[in-house]
PDB file of N, CA and C in Angstrom:
ATOM      1  N   MET A   1      39.380  19.171 126.988  1.00  0.00           N
ATOM      2  CA  MET A   1      37.977  19.798 126.651  1.00  0.00           C
ATOM      3  C   MET A   1      38.089  20.755 125.715  1.00  0.00           C
ATOM      4  N   GLU A   2      36.980  20.311 124.584  1.00  0.00           N
ATOM      5  CA  GLU A   2      37.391  21.290 123.289  1.00  0.00           C
ATOM      6  C   GLU A   2      36.314  22.488 123.718  1.00  0.00           C
ATOM      7  N   LEU A   3      36.757  23.692 123.516  1.00  0.00           N
ATOM      8  CA  LEU A   3      35.977  24.996 123.660  1.00  0.00           C
ATOM      9  C   LEU A   3      35.351  25.212 122.148  1.00  0.00           C
ATOM     10  N   SER A   4      35.169  24.779 121.153  1.00  0.00           N
ATOM     11  CA  SER A   4      34.532  25.253 119.701  1.00  0.00           C
ATOM     12  C   SER A   4      33.234  25.408 119.933  1.00  0.00           C
ATOM     13  N   SER A   5      32.582  25.963 119.126  1.00  0.00           N
ATOM     14  CA  SER A   5      31.085  26.331 119.244  1.00  0.00           C
ATOM     15  C   SER A   5      30.303  25.037 119.307  1.00  0.00           C
ATOM     16  N   GLY A   6      30.790  24.093 118.424  1.00  0.00           N
ATOM     17  CA  GLY A   6      30.207  22.786 118.080  1.00  0.00           C
ATOM     18  C   GLY A   6      30.174  21.921 119.590  1.00  0.00           C
ATOM     19  N   GLY A   7      31.500  22.129 119.958  1.00  0.00           N
ATOM     20  CA  GLY A   7      31.382  21.125 121.225  1.00  0.00           C
ATOM     21  C   GLY A   7      30.535  21.900 122.471  1.00  0.00           C
ATOM     22  N   PHE A   8      30.867  22.868 122.452  1.00  0.00           N
ATOM     23  CA  PHE A   8      30.110  24.027 123.549  1.00  0.00           C
ATOM     24  C   PHE A   8      28.573  23.898 123.305  1.00  0.00           C
ATOM     25  N   HIS A   9      27.898  23.922 122.679  1.00  0.00           N
ATOM     26  CA  HIS A   9      26.602  23.716 121.938  1.00  0.00           C
ATOM     27  C   HIS A   9      26.049  22.320 122.383  1.00  0.00           C
ATOM     28  N   GLY A  10      27.021  21.388 122.250  1.00  0.00           N
ATOM     29  CA  GLY A  10      26.670  20.046 122.493  1.00  0.00           C
ATOM     30  C   GLY A  10      26.697  19.927 123.888  1.00  0.00           C
ATOM     31  N   VAL A  11      27.333  20.548 124.749  1.00  0.00           N
ATOM     32  CA  VAL A  11      27.384  20.485 126.218  1.00  0.00           C
ATOM     33  C   VAL A  11      25.973  21.224 126.920  1.00  0.00           C
ATOM     34  N   LEU A  12      25.559  22.368 126.195  1.00  0.00           N
ATOM     35  CA  LEU A  12      24.503  22.794 126.375  1.00  0.00           C
ATOM     36  C   LEU A  12      23.189  22.073 125.982  1.00  0.00           C
ATOM     37  N   VAL A  13      23.306  21.254 124.999  1.00  0.00           N
ATOM     38  CA  VAL A  13      22.256  20.189 124.509  1.00  0.00           C
ATOM     39  C   VAL A  13      21.881  19.230 125.530  1.00  0.00           C
ATOM     40  N   VAL A  14      22.937  18.584 125.965  1.00  0.00           N
ATOM     41  CA  VAL A  14      23.206  17.667 127.039  1.00  0.00           C
ATOM     42  C   VAL A  14      22.674  17.959 128.448  1.00  0.00           C
ATOM     43  N   GLY A  15      22.981  19.169 128.886  1.00  0.00           N
ATOM     44  CA  GLY A  15      22.286  19.791 130.099  1.00  0.00           C
ATOM     45  C   GLY A  15      21.047  20.116 129.967  1.00  0.00           C
ATOM     46  N   PHE A  16      20.510  20.497 128.683  1.00  0.00           N
ATOM     47  CA  PHE A  16      18.991  20.825 128.633  1.00  0.00           C
ATOM     48  C   PHE A  16      18.367  19.475 128.814  1.00  0.00           C
ATOM     49  N   VAL A  17      18.648  18.501 128.057  1.00  0.00           N
ATOM     50  CA  VAL A  17      18.249  17.299 128.310  1.00  0.00           C
ATOM     51  C   VAL A  17      18.181  16.650 129.648  1.00  0.00           C
ATOM     52  N   ALA A  18      19.262  16.622 130.319  1.00  0.00           N
ATOM     53  CA  ALA A  18      19.266  16.365 131.598  1.00  0.00           C
ATOM     54  C   ALA A  18      18.415  17.176 132.874  1.00  0.00           C
ATOM     55  N   GLU A  19      18.023  18.382 132.105  1.00  0.00           N
ATOM     56  CA  GLU A  19      17.345  18.919 132.953  1.00  0.00           C
ATOM     57  C   GLU A  19      15.785  18.786 133.041  1.00  0.00           C
ATOM     58  N   HIS A  20      15.520  18.876 131.433  1.00  0.00           N
ATOM     59  CA  HIS A  20      14.350  18.715 131.074  1.00  0.00           C
ATOM     60  C   HIS A  20      13.629  17.579 130.603  1.00  0.00           C
ATOM     61  N   GLY A  21      14.329  16.474 130.009  1.00  0.00           N
ATOM     62  CA  GLY A  21      13.950  15.253 129.684  1.00  0.00           C
ATOM     63  C   GLY A  21      13.881  15.228 127.851  1.00  0.00           C
ATOM     64  N   VAL A  22      14.367  13.924 127.455  1.00  0.00           N
ATOM     65  CA  VAL A  22      14.216  13.812 125.777  1.00  0.00           C
ATOM     66  C   VAL A  22      13.185  14.444 125.242  1.00  0.00           C
ATOM     67  N   GLU A  23      12.079  14.078 125.699  1.00  0.00           N
ATOM     68  CA  GLU A  23      10.694  14.480 125.444  1.00  0.00           C
ATOM     69  C   GLU A  23      10.553  15.849 125.221  1.00  0.00           C
ATOM     70  N   ASP A  24      10.885  16.635 126.259  1.00  0.00           N
ATOM     71  CA  ASP A  24      11.052  17.885 125.980  1.00  0.00           C
ATOM     72  C   ASP A  24      11.879  18.770 124.806  1.00  0.00           C
ATOM     73  N   VAL A  25      12.780  17.878 124.585  1.00  0.00           N
ATOM     74  CA  VAL A  25      13.775  18.565 123.392  1.00  0.00           C
ATOM     75  C   VAL A  25      13.388  18.119 122.296  1.00  0.00           C
ATOM     76  N   ALA A  26      12.308  16.669 122.009  1.00  0.00           N
ATOM     77  CA  ALA A  26      11.958  16.553 120.899  1.00  0.00           C
ATOM     78  C   ALA A  26      10.511  16.991 120.417  1.00  0.00           C
ATOM     79  N   ALA A  27      10.024  17.700 121.705  1.00  0.00           N
ATOM     80  CA  ALA A  27       8.814  18.295 121.162  1.00  0.00           C
ATOM     81  C   ALA A  27       8.901  19.755 119.986  1.00  0.00           C
TER      82      ALA A  27
END
Protein backbone atom coordinates (compact mmCIF):
# COMPACT_ATOMS: atom_id res chain seq x y z
CA MET A 1 0.00 0.00 0.00
CA GLU A 2 1.45 3.34 -1.07
CA LEU A 3 1.27 6.28 1.35
CA SER A 4 2.16 9.05 -1.09
CA SER A 5 0.00 12.18 -1.03
CA GLY A 6 -1.52 11.23 -4.39
CA GLY A 7 -2.36 7.69 -3.27
CA PHE A 8 -3.82 8.91 0.03
CA HIS A 9 -5.92 11.53 -1.77
CA GLY A 10 -7.20 8.77 -4.05
CA VAL A 11 -8.32 6.78 -1.01
CA LEU A 12 -10.15 9.83 0.36
CA VAL A 13 -11.91 10.37 -2.97
CA VAL A 14 -12.96 6.71 -3.18
CA GLY A 15 -14.28 6.87 0.39
CA PHE A 16 -16.22 10.05 -0.37
CA VAL A 17 -17.77 8.53 -3.49
CA ALA A 18 -18.72 5.41 -1.53
CA GLU A 19 -20.36 7.56 1.17
CA HIS A 20 -22.12 10.22 -0.90
CA GLY A 21 -22.37 8.87 -4.43
CA VAL A 22 -20.98 10.00 -7.78
CA GLU A 23 -23.67 12.67 -8.27
CA ASP A 24 -22.57 14.61 -5.17
CA VAL A 25 -18.91 14.41 -6.20
CA ALA A 26 -19.62 15.68 -9.72
CA ALA A 27 -21.86 18.50 -8.50
